[in-house]
Protein backbone atom coordinates (compact mmCIF):
# COMPACT_ATOMS: atom_id res chain seq x y z
CA UNK A 1 9.97 -196.52 -134.94
CA UNK A 2 7.84 -193.38 -134.38
CA UNK A 3 5.60 -194.27 -137.33
CA UNK A 4 5.29 -197.87 -136.10
CA UNK A 5 4.15 -196.59 -132.69
CA UNK A 6 1.51 -194.43 -134.36
CA UNK A 7 0.37 -197.45 -136.41
CA UNK A 8 0.05 -199.55 -133.28
CA UNK A 9 -1.67 -196.84 -131.29
CA UNK A 10 -3.99 -195.20 -133.80
CA UNK A 11 -4.91 -197.93 -136.33
CA UNK A 12 -8.47 -198.04 -134.86
CA UNK A 13 -8.81 -194.24 -134.83
CA UNK A 14 -7.62 -193.18 -138.30
CA UNK A 15 -7.60 -194.82 -141.70
CA UNK A 16 -4.86 -197.16 -142.87
CA UNK A 17 -4.28 -194.77 -145.77
CA UNK A 18 -3.54 -191.89 -143.40
CA UNK A 19 -1.07 -194.00 -141.42
CA UNK A 20 0.60 -195.32 -144.53
CA UNK A 21 1.09 -191.76 -145.83
CA UNK A 22 3.40 -190.95 -142.93
CA UNK A 23 6.45 -189.19 -144.29
CA UNK A 24 9.91 -190.02 -142.90
CA UNK A 25 10.83 -186.41 -143.79
CA UNK A 26 7.92 -185.09 -141.68
CA UNK A 27 8.88 -187.32 -138.81
CA UNK A 28 12.42 -186.04 -139.02
CA UNK A 29 11.20 -182.47 -139.00
CA UNK A 30 9.20 -183.16 -135.82
CA UNK A 31 12.30 -184.51 -134.07
CA UNK A 32 14.45 -181.63 -135.29
CA UNK A 33 11.87 -179.16 -133.94
CA UNK A 34 11.67 -180.91 -130.56
CA UNK A 35 15.44 -181.06 -130.17
CA UNK A 36 15.80 -177.38 -130.89
CA UNK A 37 13.56 -176.23 -128.00
CA UNK A 38 14.96 -174.79 -124.77
CA UNK A 39 15.94 -176.53 -121.57
CA UNK A 40 12.42 -176.42 -120.18
CA UNK A 41 11.55 -179.06 -122.75
CA UNK A 42 12.57 -182.65 -122.01
CA UNK A 43 12.76 -185.46 -124.53
CA UNK A 44 13.83 -189.04 -123.78
CA UNK A 45 14.39 -192.12 -125.93
CA UNK A 46 14.45 -195.70 -124.70
CA UNK A 47 16.80 -198.24 -126.14
CA UNK A 48 16.58 -202.03 -125.87
CA UNK A 49 19.08 -204.33 -127.49
CA UNK A 50 20.57 -201.27 -129.22
CA UNK A 51 17.26 -200.31 -130.95
CA UNK A 52 14.95 -197.39 -130.17
CA UNK A 53 11.73 -198.80 -128.65
CA UNK A 54 10.02 -195.71 -127.19
CA UNK A 55 10.16 -192.04 -126.46
CA UNK A 56 8.58 -189.39 -124.27
CA UNK A 57 8.61 -185.63 -123.96
CA UNK A 58 7.19 -182.83 -121.85
CA UNK A 59 7.38 -179.03 -121.50
CA UNK A 60 5.39 -175.98 -120.58
CA UNK A 61 1.59 -176.43 -120.93
CA UNK A 62 0.23 -175.37 -124.34
CA UNK A 63 -3.35 -174.81 -123.12
CA UNK A 64 -4.79 -171.29 -122.57
CA UNK A 65 -6.73 -172.73 -119.62
CA UNK A 66 -3.87 -174.82 -118.38
CA UNK A 67 -4.67 -176.69 -115.14
CA UNK A 68 -0.94 -177.32 -114.63
CA UNK A 69 2.20 -175.46 -115.68
CA UNK A 70 3.75 -178.62 -117.17
CA UNK A 71 2.36 -180.90 -119.84
CA UNK A 72 3.29 -184.46 -120.97
CA UNK A 73 3.29 -184.02 -124.76
CA UNK A 74 3.88 -187.57 -125.82
CA UNK A 75 4.74 -191.08 -124.59
CA UNK A 76 4.98 -193.93 -127.09
CA UNK A 77 6.39 -197.40 -126.76
CA UNK A 78 6.44 -200.17 -129.32
CA UNK A 79 3.75 -202.73 -128.36
CA UNK A 80 6.24 -205.53 -128.13
CA UNK A 81 7.71 -203.72 -125.11
CA UNK A 82 4.40 -203.00 -123.31
CA UNK A 83 4.41 -204.39 -119.79
CA UNK A 84 8.19 -204.32 -119.41
CA UNK A 85 8.46 -201.19 -117.30
CA UNK A 86 10.07 -199.18 -120.11
CA UNK A 87 6.97 -197.01 -120.55
CA UNK A 88 7.02 -196.19 -116.84
CA UNK A 89 10.68 -195.24 -117.07
CA UNK A 90 9.98 -192.96 -120.02
CA UNK A 91 7.07 -191.40 -118.09
CA UNK A 92 9.18 -190.88 -114.98
CA UNK A 93 11.97 -189.33 -116.89
CA UNK A 94 9.60 -186.85 -118.64
CA UNK A 95 7.55 -185.80 -115.64
CA UNK A 96 8.62 -187.57 -112.49
CA UNK A 97 6.18 -186.89 -109.71
CA UNK A 98 5.32 -183.40 -110.88
CA UNK A 99 1.77 -182.08 -111.17
CA UNK A 100 1.12 -182.18 -114.90
CA UNK A 101 -1.63 -182.44 -117.50
CA UNK A 102 -1.79 -184.32 -120.73
CA UNK A 103 -4.08 -184.98 -123.71
CA UNK A 104 -4.80 -188.54 -124.77
CA UNK A 105 -7.06 -190.08 -127.40
CA UNK A 106 -10.47 -190.59 -125.90
CA UNK A 107 -10.52 -194.16 -127.34
CA UNK A 108 -7.20 -195.43 -125.98
CA UNK A 109 -8.06 -197.63 -123.00
CA UNK A 110 -4.57 -198.93 -122.44
CA UNK A 111 -3.15 -195.41 -122.11
CA UNK A 112 -6.04 -194.37 -119.86
CA UNK A 113 -5.28 -197.30 -117.48
CA UNK A 114 -1.56 -196.39 -117.45
CA UNK A 115 -2.26 -192.74 -116.62
CA UNK A 116 -4.84 -193.69 -114.01
CA UNK A 117 -2.26 -195.86 -112.24
CA UNK A 118 -0.01 -192.78 -112.21
CA UNK A 119 -2.60 -190.63 -110.46
CA UNK A 120 -4.31 -188.90 -113.41
CA UNK A 121 -8.05 -188.17 -113.75
CA UNK A 122 -10.09 -186.58 -116.53
CA UNK A 123 -10.87 -182.91 -115.87
CA UNK A 124 -13.86 -182.82 -118.30
CA UNK A 125 -11.98 -181.04 -121.11
CA UNK A 126 -12.38 -182.57 -124.52
CA UNK A 127 -11.32 -181.57 -128.05
CA UNK A 128 -11.24 -182.82 -131.63
CA UNK A 129 -7.83 -182.35 -133.20
CA UNK A 130 -6.50 -182.80 -136.70
CA UNK A 131 -4.27 -185.83 -137.03
CA UNK A 132 -2.70 -187.04 -140.24
CA UNK A 133 -5.34 -185.28 -142.33
CA UNK A 134 -8.16 -186.73 -140.24
CA UNK A 135 -9.42 -186.02 -136.71
CA UNK A 136 -9.23 -187.64 -133.38
CA UNK A 137 -11.02 -186.77 -130.08
CA UNK A 138 -8.81 -186.24 -127.11
CA UNK A 139 -9.55 -185.80 -123.40
CA UNK A 140 -7.37 -183.96 -120.90
CA UNK A 141 -6.10 -185.76 -117.82
CA UNK A 142 -4.60 -184.00 -114.88
CA UNK A 143 -2.48 -185.07 -111.88
């Protein structure tokens, strides 16, 4: 499910080969790492019809110049479930109405609209990050 979300979200930003090279082992390692972190880290999974359809997570900001103490690390939802309210529930579980920051792919208009509806605005910070052996450009949003 995690890999499928990445395919649906990033297929226009990275090559098909990079997405097809996703390793189930690497994905399992990511989840093991996230679940081993302390109580200041929050991870949530959404189920629909007994299947995992999305996930979110937040924790202390990782930025040296952090505009907020808390950061939304990730929020992914299978595209078939967009518009159902599940994404909002995952967001609310991870950060509620807290003042937070997040990084989002610069070329992800759907996510930008979602975060704008939730009170976020770009703060002018931008970075190019490695992703699956390639790079993507991200912008920081703050609420």
